[in-house]
Protein backbone atom coordinates (compact mmCIF):
# COMPACT_ATOMS: atom_id res chain seq x y z
CA MET A 1 -167.41 92.39 -0.01
CA GLU A 2 -166.45 95.68 -1.66
CA ILE A 3 -165.86 95.60 -5.42
CA VAL A 4 -164.39 97.86 -8.10
CA ASP A 5 -165.57 97.18 -11.68
CA LEU A 6 -163.07 97.86 -14.48
CA PHE A 7 -164.10 98.20 -18.14
CA SER A 8 -167.59 98.24 -16.68
CA GLY A 9 -169.56 99.31 -19.75
CA CYS A 10 -173.11 100.16 -18.74
CA GLY A 11 -172.93 97.89 -15.68
CA GLY A 12 -174.19 94.41 -16.50
CA MET A 13 -171.62 92.68 -14.30
CA SER A 14 -171.91 95.39 -11.61
CA LEU A 15 -175.66 94.84 -11.39
CA GLY A 16 -175.28 91.06 -11.33
CA PHE A 17 -172.83 91.18 -8.41
CA GLN A 18 -174.92 93.83 -6.66
CA ASN A 19 -177.98 91.58 -6.96
CA ALA A 20 -175.95 88.79 -5.32
CA GLY A 21 -175.27 90.98 -2.28
CA TYR A 22 -171.92 92.60 -3.11
CA SER A 23 -171.17 96.28 -2.62
CA ILE A 24 -169.88 98.06 -5.74
CA THR A 25 -167.85 101.04 -4.57
CA ALA A 26 -166.67 102.38 -7.94
CA ALA A 27 -166.53 101.63 -11.66
CA PHE A 28 -164.20 102.66 -14.47
CA ASP A 29 -164.77 102.86 -18.21
CA ASN A 30 -163.52 105.00 -21.07
CA TRP A 31 -166.50 105.39 -23.40
CA ALA A 32 -168.71 108.37 -22.57
CA PRO A 33 -172.05 106.93 -23.80
CA ALA A 34 -171.64 103.81 -21.61
CA VAL A 35 -170.45 105.91 -18.66
CA LYS A 36 -173.60 108.05 -18.92
CA VAL A 37 -175.88 104.99 -18.86
CA TYR A 38 -173.98 103.63 -15.86
CA LYS A 39 -174.33 106.94 -14.00
CA ASP A 40 -178.08 106.95 -14.61
CA ASN A 41 -178.49 103.55 -12.93
CA PHE A 42 -176.09 103.34 -9.97
CA ASN A 43 -175.48 105.45 -6.88
CA HIS A 44 -171.73 104.84 -6.62
CA PRO A 45 -169.25 106.77 -8.79
CA ILE A 46 -168.05 105.78 -12.24
CA TYR A 47 -164.91 107.34 -13.67
CA ASP A 48 -164.42 108.06 -17.36
CA THR A 49 -160.78 107.04 -17.24
CA ASP A 50 -158.24 105.51 -19.60
CA LEU A 51 -157.19 102.45 -17.62
CA SER A 52 -153.94 102.21 -19.57
CA ASP A 53 -152.86 105.40 -17.77
CA ASP A 54 -150.75 104.84 -14.66
CA SER A 55 -152.76 107.39 -12.68
CA ALA A 56 -155.78 105.07 -12.86
CA LEU A 57 -153.96 102.50 -10.72
CA GLU A 58 -153.65 104.98 -7.84
CA GLN A 59 -157.40 105.66 -8.00
CA ILE A 60 -158.20 101.95 -7.93
CA ILE A 61 -155.83 101.20 -5.05
CA GLY A 62 -157.39 104.11 -3.15
CA PHE A 63 -160.67 102.20 -2.94
CA ASN A 64 -158.88 99.22 -1.35
CA PRO A 65 -161.23 96.74 -3.03
CA GLN A 66 -161.56 93.18 -1.77
CA MET A 67 -162.50 92.15 -5.30
CA ILE A 68 -161.92 93.58 -8.77
CA ILE A 69 -164.18 92.49 -11.62
CA GLY A 70 -164.05 93.43 -15.26
CA GLY A 71 -164.35 92.55 -18.92
CA PRO A 72 -161.44 94.04 -20.89
CA PRO A 73 -162.37 94.89 -24.51
CA CYS A 74 -162.84 91.70 -26.52
CA GLN A 75 -163.02 92.91 -30.12
CA ASP A 76 -159.49 91.76 -30.95
CA PHE A 77 -160.43 88.18 -29.98
CA SER A 78 -164.09 88.11 -31.01
CA SER A 79 -165.51 86.19 -33.96
CA ALA A 80 -167.38 89.42 -34.72
CA GLY A 81 -164.08 91.35 -34.90
CA LYS A 82 -160.82 91.05 -36.84
CA ARG A 83 -159.19 88.56 -34.45
CA ASP A 84 -155.96 90.57 -34.57
CA GLU A 85 -154.16 90.93 -31.24
CA SER A 86 -151.86 93.60 -32.68
CA LEU A 87 -154.66 96.21 -32.87
CA GLY A 88 -154.03 97.35 -29.29
CA ARG A 89 -157.25 96.58 -27.44
CA ALA A 90 -155.97 93.12 -26.48
CA ASP A 91 -153.25 94.88 -24.49
CA LEU A 92 -155.96 96.00 -22.08
CA THR A 93 -156.29 92.39 -20.95
CA LEU A 94 -152.66 92.61 -19.86
CA ARG A 95 -153.41 95.96 -18.29
CA PHE A 96 -156.19 94.31 -16.25
CA ALA A 97 -153.74 91.59 -15.16
CA ASN A 98 -151.12 94.15 -14.17
CA ILE A 99 -153.65 96.17 -12.18
CA ILE A 100 -154.52 92.98 -10.30
CA SER A 101 -150.88 92.17 -9.67
CA GLN A 102 -150.15 95.65 -8.32
CA SER A 103 -153.29 96.15 -6.22
CA LEU A 104 -153.60 92.52 -5.00
CA PRO A 105 -157.29 92.30 -4.10
CA GLU A 106 -158.24 89.04 -2.40
CA TRP A 107 -160.43 88.17 -5.39
CA PHE A 108 -160.77 89.06 -9.05
CA VAL A 109 -163.13 88.07 -11.86
CA MET A 110 -162.26 88.59 -15.53
CA GLU A 111 -164.72 88.00 -18.39
CA ASN A 112 -164.05 87.77 -22.11
CA VAL A 113 -165.10 85.94 -25.28
CA GLU A 114 -164.42 82.23 -25.63
CA LEU A 115 -161.82 82.77 -28.38
CA ILE A 116 -159.44 84.49 -25.95
CA LYS A 117 -158.45 80.94 -24.90
CA LYS A 118 -156.47 80.67 -28.15
CA SER A 119 -154.63 83.96 -27.70
CA ARG A 120 -151.05 84.76 -26.79
CA ILE A 121 -152.31 87.55 -24.53
CA LEU A 122 -154.20 85.15 -22.27
CA LYS A 123 -151.08 83.08 -21.64
CA GLU A 124 -149.24 86.22 -20.57
CA ALA A 125 -152.11 87.30 -18.32
CA LEU A 126 -152.31 83.87 -16.68
CA SER A 127 -148.60 84.02 -15.94
CA ILE A 128 -149.03 87.42 -14.25
CA PHE A 129 -151.91 86.12 -12.13
CA LYS A 130 -150.03 82.98 -11.07
CA ASN A 131 -146.84 84.90 -10.23
CA SER A 132 -148.96 87.18 -8.04
CA GLY A 133 -150.16 84.25 -5.91
CA TYR A 134 -153.64 83.59 -7.27
CA GLY A 135 -155.32 80.25 -7.59
CA LEU A 136 -157.32 80.32 -10.80
CA SER A 137 -160.61 78.82 -11.89
CA GLN A 138 -161.19 79.06 -15.63
CA GLN A 139 -164.41 78.12 -17.38
CA VAL A 140 -166.43 78.86 -20.51
CA LEU A 141 -170.04 79.44 -19.47
CA ASP A 142 -173.01 79.25 -21.83
CA ALA A 143 -175.34 81.92 -20.46
CA SER A 144 -178.44 79.90 -21.40
CA TYR A 145 -177.55 77.43 -18.61
CA CYS A 146 -176.99 80.28 -16.15
CA GLY A 147 -180.34 82.06 -16.03
CA VAL A 148 -180.10 83.96 -19.32
CA PRO A 149 -182.37 83.29 -22.36
CA GLN A 150 -179.42 83.56 -24.72
CA ALA A 151 -176.89 81.06 -26.08
CA ARG A 152 -173.95 83.37 -25.35
CA LYS A 153 -170.64 81.71 -24.46
CA ARG A 154 -168.20 83.67 -22.35
CA PHE A 155 -164.86 82.82 -20.76
CA PHE A 156 -164.40 83.58 -17.06
CA ILE A 157 -161.34 83.54 -14.83
CA VAL A 158 -161.91 83.80 -11.10
CA GLY A 159 -158.81 84.35 -9.00
CA HIS A 160 -158.41 83.97 -5.24
CA LEU A 161 -155.18 84.60 -3.37
CA ASN A 162 -153.48 81.48 -2.07
CA SER A 163 -156.13 79.04 -3.30
CA GLU A 164 -155.67 75.92 -5.40
CA ASP A 165 -156.38 76.11 -9.11
CA GLY A 166 -159.86 74.98 -10.08
CA PHE A 167 -161.37 75.78 -6.67
CA LEU A 168 -164.58 77.22 -8.17
CA ASN A 169 -165.13 74.85 -11.11
CA PRO A 170 -167.26 72.36 -9.14
CA TYR A 171 -169.62 75.21 -8.26
CA PHE A 172 -169.83 76.35 -11.88
CA ASP A 173 -170.70 72.80 -12.92
CA ALA A 174 -173.20 72.08 -10.13
CA ASN A 175 -175.17 75.32 -10.43
CA GLN A 176 -175.86 75.26 -14.17
CA THR A 177 -179.31 74.12 -15.25
CA GLN A 178 -179.82 70.87 -17.14
CA THR A 179 -181.66 72.60 -20.00
CA GLN A 180 -181.17 75.90 -21.78
CA MET A 181 -183.38 78.83 -20.87
CA THR A 182 -185.56 79.99 -23.78
CA VAL A 183 -186.83 83.49 -24.48
CA PHE A 184 -190.32 82.25 -23.60
CA ASP A 185 -189.08 80.83 -20.28
CA PHE A 186 -187.83 84.28 -19.30
CA LEU A 187 -190.26 86.69 -20.97
CA GLY A 188 -193.35 84.62 -21.67
CA ASN A 189 -195.54 86.26 -24.32
CA SER A 190 -194.55 89.79 -23.31
CA LEU A 191 -192.79 90.45 -26.64
CA GLY A 192 -196.02 89.88 -28.54
CA LEU A 193 -194.41 87.63 -31.13
CA GLU A 194 -193.52 84.00 -31.79
CA HIS A 195 -190.61 84.54 -34.19
CA TYR A 196 -188.16 87.35 -34.78
CA TYR A 197 -185.26 88.30 -37.05
CA ARG A 198 -181.64 88.55 -35.98
CA HIS A 199 -179.26 89.68 -38.72
CA PRO A 200 -176.73 86.89 -39.43
CA ARG A 201 -173.04 87.48 -39.98
CA SER A 202 -173.43 85.80 -43.36
CA TYR A 203 -176.35 84.39 -45.31
CA SER A 204 -174.95 80.92 -44.81
CA ARG A 205 -176.54 81.23 -41.36
CA ARG A 206 -180.20 81.49 -40.50
CA GLY A 207 -181.77 84.76 -39.43
CA ILE A 208 -185.17 83.80 -37.99
CA PHE A 209 -185.55 82.46 -34.45
CA SER A 210 -188.36 81.24 -32.22
CA ILE A 211 -189.06 82.46 -28.70
CA HIS A 212 -189.16 78.79 -27.71
CA GLU A 213 -185.36 78.53 -27.97
CA PRO A 214 -182.53 80.60 -26.50
CA SER A 215 -181.75 83.78 -28.37
CA PRO A 216 -178.49 83.80 -30.30
CA THR A 217 -175.81 86.13 -28.94
CA ILE A 218 -176.97 89.73 -28.70
CA ARG A 219 -174.42 91.69 -30.72
CA GLY A 220 -173.84 95.41 -31.17
CA VAL A 221 -175.55 95.30 -34.59
CA ASN A 222 -179.32 95.26 -35.05
CA ARG A 223 -180.65 95.51 -38.61
CA PRO A 224 -184.04 95.16 -40.29
CA ILE A 225 -184.80 92.22 -42.58
CA PRO A 226 -183.30 92.93 -46.01
CA LYS A 227 -185.89 93.05 -48.79
CA ASN A 228 -183.99 90.33 -50.65
CA TYR A 229 -183.71 87.97 -47.64
CA VAL A 230 -184.32 84.38 -48.73
CA ARG A 231 -185.49 81.80 -46.23
CA HIS A 232 -182.59 79.80 -44.83
CA ALA A 233 -182.94 76.03 -44.39
CA GLY A 234 -182.65 76.54 -40.62
CA ASP A 235 -185.37 79.19 -40.38
CA PRO A 236 -188.40 77.77 -38.54
CA VAL A 237 -190.94 79.78 -40.58
CA GLU A 238 -191.25 81.66 -43.85
CA VAL A 239 -190.34 85.35 -44.00
CA SER A 240 -193.49 87.44 -43.53
CA PRO A 241 -194.57 90.95 -42.47
CA MET A 242 -195.08 89.48 -38.97
CA ILE A 243 -191.33 88.83 -38.60
CA ARG A 244 -189.31 91.76 -37.24
CA PRO A 245 -186.06 92.33 -35.39
CA LEU A 246 -186.20 92.86 -31.64
CA THR A 247 -186.23 96.48 -30.51
CA THR A 248 -183.32 97.99 -28.63
CA LEU A 249 -185.09 97.63 -25.28
CA GLU A 250 -186.22 94.08 -26.05
CA ARG A 251 -182.59 93.19 -26.68
CA SER A 252 -181.72 94.60 -23.25
CA TYR A 253 -184.30 92.24 -21.73
CA ILE A 254 -182.60 89.29 -23.47
CA GLN A 255 -179.43 90.53 -21.74
CA THR A 256 -181.50 90.27 -18.50
CA PHE A 257 -181.46 93.98 -17.73
CA PRO A 258 -184.60 94.83 -15.74
CA THR A 259 -187.33 96.93 -17.33
CA THR A 260 -186.48 99.68 -14.82
CA PHE A 261 -182.91 100.03 -16.17
CA ILE A 262 -182.50 103.43 -17.85
CA PHE A 263 -181.00 103.52 -21.35
CA ASN A 264 -180.34 107.02 -22.67
CA GLY A 265 -178.39 107.68 -25.87
CA THR A 266 -178.62 107.30 -29.62
CA LYS A 267 -179.94 104.05 -31.06
CA THR A 268 -176.50 103.20 -32.49
CA GLU A 269 -174.82 103.84 -29.13
CA LEU A 270 -177.38 101.84 -27.19
CA GLU A 271 -177.22 98.84 -29.53
CA GLN A 272 -173.44 98.75 -29.00
CA ILE A 273 -173.72 99.30 -25.24
CA ILE A 274 -176.28 96.50 -24.84
CA GLY A 275 -174.41 94.11 -27.15
CA ASN A 276 -171.15 94.64 -25.26
CA ALA A 277 -172.66 94.10 -21.81
CA VAL A 278 -172.23 91.08 -19.60
CA PRO A 279 -175.75 89.64 -19.12
CA VAL A 280 -176.88 90.66 -15.64
CA ASN A 281 -177.96 87.15 -14.66
CA LEU A 282 -174.67 85.67 -15.87
CA GLY A 283 -172.78 88.04 -13.60
CA GLU A 284 -175.12 87.11 -10.76
CA PHE A 285 -174.56 83.40 -11.48
CA VAL A 286 -170.78 83.80 -11.10
CA ALA A 287 -171.21 85.93 -7.98
CA ASN A 288 -173.46 83.32 -6.37
CA CYS A 289 -170.96 80.55 -7.13
CA ILE A 290 -168.36 82.59 -5.25
CA ASN A 291 -170.84 83.15 -2.40
CA GLN A 292 -171.46 79.42 -2.13
CA TYR A 293 -167.73 78.64 -2.17
CA ILE A 294 -167.10 81.16 0.62
CA ARG A 295 -169.95 79.76 2.76
CA ASP A 296 -168.73 76.21 2.33
CA ARG A 297 -165.16 77.20 3.13
CA ASP A 298 -166.23 79.10 6.23
CA ASN A 299 -168.41 76.19 7.40
CA ASP A 300 -165.48 73.80 6.93
CA ASN A 301 -163.28 76.11 9.01
CA VAL A 302 -165.91 76.25 11.77
CA ARG A 303 -166.17 72.46 11.84
CA THR A 304 -162.39 72.08 11.91
CA ASN A 305 -162.02 74.60 14.75
CA SER A 306 -164.85 72.89 16.69
CA HIS A 307 -163.11 69.54 16.43
CA LEU A 308 -159.84 71.05 17.61
CA LEU A 309 -161.55 72.76 20.54
CA PHE A 310 -163.34 69.54 21.52
CA ALA A 311 -160.08 67.58 21.29
CA THR A 312 -158.37 70.14 23.51
């Protein structure tokens, strides 16, 4: 199945779907540092394009994709942002919906933060999808149950033309693991540490974590331990010179990017690029759920046709 990735960032979702056997024919993003990283890692083209521009729609339609995937900017919904839908970036969710409604791929996948569920914008987007003929499956997925060593919750909508709503939810439920994946489960002792620091949003939250639990959400901010940091009640160990934040590349591994993935740019750019990315294995999890649904549907059709032929 041929895919176009919109708001692709550095390509976490592209790589996940590619790993699941899909063919990515093109990607679109509008931030030069992320576009450069994408170019360094994929053979297909990526376009540095403002997707709010009408000319972008013609480019997308020109690829005639069977599926469009994408994660419109989430800062206006995110708990790490201002949660203000009037800032303009939330409108790009509607732009994604309108691109879908005008290009009508058989499938689409949209990813965003969990808090989008409470937004006015999502209701408008859902109405556009439904009026365009899509059956919708909506689910919040915790990445730590989907092959990612990170307790990162993300909201997914998968749309398929002329299907019933909820068609993919049983596959989401059945394919998640019973226990959360820990950093140790995924990386073993390769980090060379037992505990690490992740800067909290406020000092009412803990900042020290063990590799024997899922990582908290990888954000676009990565800071050293402040000299005045006081041990939080939830910290598993005392602050010591042995405790450090994860490096930029280590954070990319928590996002399940392979060690061969090339990250070029400034440290500030790369921290933001990695924090914004869809974890590769989470994208692959969603792609494999779709694969399984398609196989089951096709097998059902074969059985139905065989029965009809035999009856005839």
